[in-house]
Amino acid sequence: MPKGKFITIVLILFVVSQAGYAWEKKFKRIPLRNPFSPPKIITRKPQKTVITNPLQKYDVKAFVLKGIINTERGNLALIVAPDKSVYIVREGMFMGNKGEIIKKIASDRIILSRGNKEIVISLGKE
């Protein structure tokens, strides 16, 4: 048998024996997925809310709204946290341990949103 045919046959046998695998750069075999089988469903755990300010340590219902400040740049609100700290907040800030965002500061209340749900904190609520 000529030398060229022998190398060709060995190469063909090697390729046939490795069918169904892909190779990484470090010569590690990875099985290929059958394109006709349904894909695997990968479920991810919900991400925890990252605390970026002290207002995200407590539940929204634990805060007390003490006052509203009207300014040219928009309304501000005075909030008392459960640890008796006083904070000034504005629209768009995060507040609450479940990722609520201050949607609107009205003259007598704060409206927060979490997904499709709205939460209202009224002025003077103890």
Protein backbone atom coordinates (compact mmCIF):
# COMPACT_ATOMS: atom_id res chain seq x y z
CA MET A 1 0.00 0.00 0.00
CA PRO A 2 1.42 3.40 -0.95
CA LYS A 3 2.32 5.74 1.89
CA GLY A 4 -0.13 8.48 0.80
CA LYS A 5 -3.15 6.14 0.87
CA PHE A 6 -2.18 4.86 4.34
CA ILE A 7 -2.08 8.40 5.79
CA THR A 8 -5.41 9.22 4.14
CA ILE A 9 -7.07 6.09 5.59
CA VAL A 10 -5.69 6.80 9.09
CA LEU A 11 -6.91 10.40 8.87
CA ILE A 12 -10.39 9.30 7.73
CA LEU A 13 -10.62 6.74 10.56
CA PHE A 14 -9.62 9.41 13.09
CA VAL A 15 -12.22 11.89 11.81
CA VAL A 16 -14.98 9.23 11.79
CA SER A 17 -14.13 8.13 15.35
CA GLN A 18 -14.38 11.73 16.59
CA ALA A 19 -17.71 12.55 14.92
CA GLY A 20 -20.15 14.23 17.31
CA TYR A 21 -17.50 16.08 19.27
CA ALA A 22 -16.08 19.58 19.09
CA TRP A 23 -12.58 20.40 20.21
CA GLU A 24 -11.47 23.25 22.41
CA LYS A 25 -8.10 24.92 22.07
CA LYS A 26 -6.60 22.71 24.78
CA PHE A 27 -7.67 19.50 22.99
CA LYS A 28 -10.61 18.82 25.26
CA ARG A 29 -13.58 17.01 23.75
CA ILE A 30 -16.99 18.63 24.11
CA PRO A 31 -20.07 16.65 23.03
CA LEU A 32 -22.19 18.46 20.45
CA ARG A 33 -25.90 18.96 21.06
CA ASN A 34 -28.34 17.25 18.71
CA PRO A 35 -29.93 20.14 16.77
CA PHE A 36 -33.24 18.25 16.52
CA SER A 37 -33.69 17.65 20.24
CA PRO A 38 -35.46 20.29 22.35
CA PRO A 39 -33.10 22.71 24.10
CA LYS A 40 -32.39 22.39 27.80
CA ILE A 41 -34.18 24.97 29.89
CA ILE A 42 -31.81 26.70 32.26
CA THR A 43 -33.45 28.44 35.18
CA ARG A 44 -31.59 31.15 36.98
CA LYS A 45 -32.00 32.10 40.59
CA PRO A 46 -33.44 35.57 41.09
CA GLN A 47 -30.75 38.12 41.75
CA LYS A 48 -30.62 39.70 45.15
CA THR A 49 -31.08 43.44 45.33
CA VAL A 50 -27.76 45.18 45.79
CA ILE A 51 -27.87 47.65 48.66
CA THR A 52 -26.60 51.00 47.41
CA ASN A 53 -27.92 53.26 50.16
CA PRO A 54 -29.09 52.86 53.79
CA LEU A 55 -32.74 53.21 52.75
CA GLN A 56 -32.57 49.74 51.20
CA LYS A 57 -31.98 48.01 54.54
CA TYR A 58 -35.60 48.19 55.70
CA ASP A 59 -39.05 47.33 54.44
CA VAL A 60 -40.92 50.23 52.81
CA LYS A 61 -43.78 50.05 55.31
CA ALA A 62 -41.33 50.71 58.17
CA PHE A 63 -40.58 54.27 56.97
CA VAL A 64 -42.48 57.33 58.16
CA LEU A 65 -43.03 60.33 55.88
CA LYS A 66 -42.54 63.50 57.95
CA GLY A 67 -42.62 66.24 55.33
CA ILE A 68 -42.51 67.36 51.71
CA ILE A 69 -40.22 70.12 50.43
CA ASN A 70 -41.24 71.90 47.21
CA THR A 71 -38.29 73.17 45.14
CA GLU A 72 -37.79 74.44 41.61
CA ARG A 73 -36.06 71.17 40.70
CA GLY A 74 -38.90 68.99 42.05
CA ASN A 75 -40.30 67.77 45.32
CA LEU A 76 -38.17 66.28 48.09
CA ALA A 77 -39.41 64.18 50.99
CA LEU A 78 -38.25 63.84 54.59
CA ILE A 79 -38.24 60.18 55.60
CA VAL A 80 -37.62 58.70 59.05
CA ALA A 81 -36.14 55.19 59.02
CA PRO A 82 -36.80 52.58 61.73
CA ASP A 83 -33.40 53.40 63.30
CA LYS A 84 -34.64 57.02 63.75
CA SER A 85 -32.33 58.39 61.03
CA VAL A 86 -33.79 61.16 58.88
CA TYR A 87 -33.24 61.09 55.10
CA ILE A 88 -34.08 63.47 52.27
CA VAL A 89 -35.17 61.60 49.15
CA ARG A 90 -36.15 62.55 45.62
CA GLU A 91 -37.88 60.83 42.71
CA GLY A 92 -35.90 58.01 41.12
CA MET A 93 -34.09 56.93 44.28
CA PHE A 94 -34.20 53.35 45.54
CA MET A 95 -35.95 52.77 48.84
CA GLY A 96 -36.89 49.50 50.54
CA ASN A 97 -35.31 46.08 50.68
CA LYS A 98 -37.28 44.68 47.73
CA GLY A 99 -36.01 47.10 45.08
CA GLU A 100 -38.75 49.74 45.19
CA ILE A 101 -38.16 53.00 43.33
CA ILE A 102 -39.65 56.37 44.28
CA LYS A 103 -41.91 57.06 41.32
CA LYS A 104 -43.58 60.30 42.44
CA ILE A 105 -43.51 62.68 45.38
CA ALA A 106 -46.88 64.41 45.70
CA SER A 107 -47.84 67.15 48.18
CA ASP A 108 -49.06 64.63 50.78
CA ARG A 109 -47.61 61.23 49.85
CA ILE A 110 -44.84 59.25 48.17
CA ILE A 111 -45.65 56.71 45.45
CA LEU A 112 -43.17 53.87 45.05
CA SER A 113 -43.19 51.17 42.40
CA ARG A 114 -41.97 47.59 42.43
CA GLY A 115 -42.67 46.03 39.05
CA ASN A 116 -46.37 46.66 38.35
CA LYS A 117 -47.23 47.18 42.02
CA GLU A 118 -47.53 50.67 43.54
CA ILE A 119 -46.96 51.40 47.22
CA VAL A 120 -48.11 54.65 48.86
CA ILE A 121 -46.64 56.21 51.99
CA SER A 122 -48.88 59.02 53.27
CA LEU A 123 -47.81 62.10 55.19
CA GLY A 124 -48.23 61.92 58.97
CA LYS A 125 -48.53 58.12 59.10
CA GLU A 126 -47.05 56.96 62.43
